[in-house]
Amino acid sequence: MTGTTGPKDALLLVDLQNDFFEQGRLAVPGSNACISTINSYIDLFTTNQLPIIATRDWHPADHCSFVSQGGIWPEHCIAGSSGAAFHAELNIPCSIHIISKATKKDADAYSGFEGTDLKDYLSSQGIRRLFICGLATDYCVLATVKDALANRLHVVVLVDAIKAVNVQPDDGDHALQSMQELGAELIRREELF
């Protein structure tokens, strides 16, 4: 890691939606604590005029992942709802490229690449390295990192700007270990600024 960003870099924000923050329908513990750090990364990429992409769950009201439909999660991130909106304290730029996932009732998607045009968008922009942060470490961040690596992108996980669900106490740690073993680089803010 050089400690700098370059023209083939992009920041990927994973599912920074109200329902995943504290007080949300599917709250990730401690998630509010990483907002200021995420904003510092957004500001860095904005200042350097580098692409910023945000994935979001954008579910129909009868999505298959919901307990009411036989899934495992409470209703969350229903398309157009306040829960599906990005957290108001985030400095989301107007130029952000939004990737909506799990938009059909019969298909779930944890990865931002699954059933979306994210791969094509990154290719069209000449992006070779993705800096990834967001929610949750052990689900959508992990799945997105895996797919990014499978697509031969260099991946940098911003470990101070992610939080885990931790259904099992060590799920987040196991996810980080898995990402690193697959080839992702794990860094903190002080290593980039």
Protein backbone atom coordinates (compact mmCIF):
# COMPACT_ATOMS: atom_id res chain seq x y z
CA MET A 1 0.00 0.00 0.00
CA THR A 2 1.51 3.28 -1.11
CA GLY A 3 -0.60 5.45 1.18
CA THR A 4 -2.02 7.33 -1.78
CA THR A 5 -4.92 7.03 -4.19
CA GLY A 6 -4.58 7.07 -7.95
CA PRO A 7 -6.59 7.46 -11.17
CA LYS A 8 -7.63 3.80 -11.34
CA ASP A 9 -9.06 3.81 -7.79
CA ALA A 10 -12.65 4.03 -6.59
CA LEU A 11 -14.40 4.04 -3.22
CA LEU A 12 -17.20 1.51 -2.81
CA LEU A 13 -19.69 2.16 0.00
CA VAL A 14 -21.61 -0.97 0.93
CA ASP A 15 -25.23 -0.63 2.09
CA LEU A 16 -24.94 2.50 4.23
CA GLN A 17 -28.71 2.62 4.67
CA ASN A 18 -30.81 3.66 7.65
CA ASP A 19 -32.12 0.16 8.33
CA PHE A 20 -28.56 -1.10 8.92
CA PHE A 21 -27.56 1.69 11.28
CA GLU A 22 -28.51 1.80 14.96
CA GLN A 23 -32.28 2.21 15.41
CA GLY A 24 -32.81 0.60 12.00
CA ARG A 25 -34.89 -2.51 11.34
CA LEU A 26 -31.78 -4.65 10.89
CA ALA A 27 -29.29 -2.65 12.94
CA VAL A 28 -25.60 -3.52 12.90
CA PRO A 29 -24.17 -3.02 16.42
CA GLY A 30 -21.87 -0.01 16.69
CA SER A 31 -22.56 1.11 13.13
CA ASN A 32 -23.13 4.79 13.97
CA ALA A 33 -19.59 5.00 15.35
CA CYS A 34 -18.02 4.61 11.91
CA ILE A 35 -19.94 7.45 10.18
CA SER A 36 -17.25 10.10 10.71
CA THR A 37 -14.53 7.77 9.43
CA ILE A 38 -16.59 6.87 6.37
CA ASN A 39 -17.08 10.59 5.74
CA SER A 40 -13.33 11.15 5.85
CA TYR A 41 -12.87 8.53 3.13
CA ILE A 42 -15.71 10.08 1.07
CA ASP A 43 -14.06 13.50 1.42
CA LEU A 44 -10.67 12.12 0.33
CA PHE A 45 -12.09 10.55 -2.83
CA THR A 46 -14.22 13.61 -3.58
CA THR A 47 -11.22 15.94 -3.19
CA ASN A 48 -9.17 13.72 -5.51
CA GLN A 49 -12.06 13.58 -8.01
CA LEU A 50 -12.16 9.78 -7.90
CA PRO A 51 -15.32 7.72 -8.43
CA ILE A 52 -17.51 6.88 -5.47
CA ILE A 53 -20.02 4.06 -5.78
CA ALA A 54 -22.68 3.02 -3.29
CA THR A 55 -24.51 -0.29 -3.20
CA ARG A 56 -27.91 -0.51 -1.58
CA ASP A 57 -30.50 -3.15 -0.81
CA TRP A 58 -33.60 -2.10 -2.73
CA HIS A 59 -36.15 -4.76 -1.85
CA PRO A 60 -39.77 -5.18 -2.87
CA ALA A 61 -42.16 -5.37 0.09
CA ASP A 62 -42.53 -9.15 -0.36
CA HIS A 63 -38.83 -9.96 -0.73
CA CYS A 64 -37.80 -13.59 -0.21
CA SER A 65 -35.24 -12.69 2.49
CA PHE A 66 -37.94 -11.44 4.86
CA VAL A 67 -39.20 -13.63 7.71
CA SER A 68 -42.76 -12.99 6.51
CA GLN A 69 -41.81 -14.66 3.20
CA GLY A 70 -39.92 -17.57 4.76
CA GLY A 71 -36.53 -15.82 4.84
CA ILE A 72 -34.22 -15.15 7.78
CA TRP A 73 -34.26 -11.34 8.08
CA PRO A 74 -36.82 -8.84 9.33
CA GLU A 75 -38.27 -6.54 6.69
CA HIS A 76 -35.63 -3.98 5.74
CA CYS A 77 -34.58 -1.58 2.99
CA ILE A 78 -37.89 -1.68 1.15
CA ALA A 79 -37.45 0.32 -2.06
CA GLY A 80 -38.39 3.96 -1.59
CA SER A 81 -38.77 3.73 2.20
CA SER A 82 -36.93 5.85 4.74
CA GLY A 83 -35.15 2.69 5.92
CA ALA A 84 -33.68 2.22 2.46
CA ALA A 85 -32.31 5.78 2.31
CA PHE A 86 -28.65 6.50 2.93
CA HIS A 87 -27.91 7.73 6.45
CA ALA A 88 -28.46 11.50 6.63
CA GLU A 89 -25.12 12.16 8.37
CA LEU A 90 -23.12 10.72 5.49
CA ASN A 91 -21.56 13.18 3.04
CA ILE A 92 -22.95 11.40 -0.01
CA PRO A 93 -21.87 13.40 -3.10
CA CYS A 94 -24.29 14.24 -5.91
CA SER A 95 -21.97 12.48 -8.35
CA ILE A 96 -22.25 9.11 -6.62
CA HIS A 97 -23.03 6.07 -8.77
CA ILE A 98 -25.71 3.95 -7.06
CA ILE A 99 -25.99 0.19 -7.51
CA SER A 100 -29.33 -1.30 -6.39
CA LYS A 101 -29.32 -5.00 -5.54
CA ALA A 102 -31.85 -7.68 -4.57
CA THR A 103 -34.55 -5.74 -6.42
CA LYS A 104 -36.64 -8.79 -7.37
CA LYS A 105 -38.78 -10.60 -4.86
CA ASP A 106 -37.45 -14.10 -5.58
CA ALA A 107 -33.70 -13.40 -5.52
CA ASP A 108 -31.49 -12.21 -2.69
CA ALA A 109 -28.04 -10.71 -3.16
CA TYR A 110 -25.37 -9.95 -0.60
CA SER A 111 -22.69 -8.92 -3.09
CA GLY A 112 -22.87 -5.62 -4.95
CA PHE A 113 -21.87 -7.55 -8.07
CA GLU A 114 -24.73 -10.05 -7.91
CA GLY A 115 -27.42 -9.31 -10.47
CA THR A 116 -26.14 -5.75 -11.06
CA ASP A 117 -24.05 -3.86 -13.61
CA LEU A 118 -21.27 -3.07 -11.11
CA LYS A 119 -18.62 -5.10 -12.97
CA ASP A 120 -19.42 -3.34 -16.28
CA TYR A 121 -19.45 0.08 -14.61
CA LEU A 122 -16.02 -0.44 -13.03
CA SER A 123 -14.63 -1.65 -16.34
CA SER A 124 -16.06 1.36 -18.20
CA GLN A 125 -14.39 3.69 -15.70
CA GLY A 126 -11.03 1.90 -15.88
CA ILE A 127 -11.15 1.05 -12.18
CA ARG A 128 -8.52 -1.48 -11.08
CA ARG A 129 -8.49 -0.96 -7.30
CA LEU A 130 -11.50 -0.75 -4.99
CA PHE A 131 -11.42 0.71 -1.51
CA ILE A 132 -14.38 -0.90 0.28
CA CYS A 133 -16.19 0.06 3.47
CA GLY A 134 -19.71 -0.29 4.87
CA LEU A 135 -22.14 -2.74 6.40
CA ALA A 136 -21.98 -5.47 7.35
CA THR A 137 -18.48 -6.96 7.51
CA ASP A 138 -19.66 -10.56 7.74
CA TYR A 139 -22.36 -10.38 5.05
CA CYS A 140 -22.51 -7.82 2.25
CA VAL A 141 -18.98 -6.47 2.68
CA LEU A 142 -17.53 -9.99 2.66
CA ALA A 143 -19.57 -11.08 -0.36
CA THR A 144 -18.69 -7.92 -2.29
CA VAL A 145 -14.98 -8.26 -1.50
CA LYS A 146 -15.00 -11.89 -2.65
CA ASP A 147 -16.63 -11.00 -5.96
CA ALA A 148 -14.33 -8.02 -6.50
CA LEU A 149 -11.31 -10.28 -6.04
CA ALA A 150 -12.87 -12.90 -8.34
CA ASN A 151 -13.14 -10.14 -10.95
CA ARG A 152 -9.38 -9.54 -10.62
CA LEU A 153 -9.65 -6.20 -8.91
CA HIS A 154 -7.17 -5.13 -6.25
CA VAL A 155 -9.21 -4.74 -3.06
CA VAL A 156 -8.44 -2.58 -0.04
CA VAL A 157 -10.79 -3.06 2.92
CA LEU A 158 -11.08 -0.01 5.15
CA VAL A 159 -11.31 -1.87 8.44
CA ASP A 160 -12.09 1.18 10.58
CA ALA A 161 -15.15 1.93 8.44
CA ILE A 162 -16.94 -1.42 8.63
CA LYS A 163 -18.97 -3.15 11.32
CA ALA A 164 -20.10 -6.75 11.72
CA VAL A 165 -23.46 -8.24 12.65
CA ASN A 166 -21.70 -11.02 14.63
CA VAL A 167 -24.58 -13.50 14.83
CA GLN A 168 -21.78 -15.63 16.23
CA PRO A 169 -19.32 -13.57 18.30
CA ASP A 170 -16.33 -13.98 15.95
CA ASP A 171 -18.12 -13.72 12.58
CA GLY A 172 -16.60 -10.33 11.81
CA ASP A 173 -13.07 -11.48 12.64
CA HIS A 174 -13.52 -14.63 10.55
CA ALA A 175 -14.77 -12.50 7.64
CA LEU A 176 -11.70 -10.25 7.82
CA GLN A 177 -9.40 -13.26 7.96
CA SER A 178 -11.15 -14.77 4.94
CA MET A 179 -10.85 -11.51 2.95
CA GLN A 180 -7.16 -11.24 3.74
CA GLU A 181 -6.49 -14.87 2.86
CA LEU A 182 -8.20 -14.32 -0.50
CA GLY A 183 -5.90 -11.40 -1.26
CA ALA A 184 -7.59 -8.27 0.08
CA GLU A 185 -5.47 -5.66 1.81
CA LEU A 186 -6.71 -4.45 5.21
CA ILE A 187 -5.89 -0.88 6.21
CA ARG A 188 -6.94 1.90 8.56
CA ARG A 189 -7.36 5.63 8.00
CA GLU A 190 -3.89 6.58 9.26
CA GLU A 191 -2.31 4.37 6.59
CA LEU A 192 -3.99 6.32 3.79
CA PHE A 193 -3.99 9.93 5.02
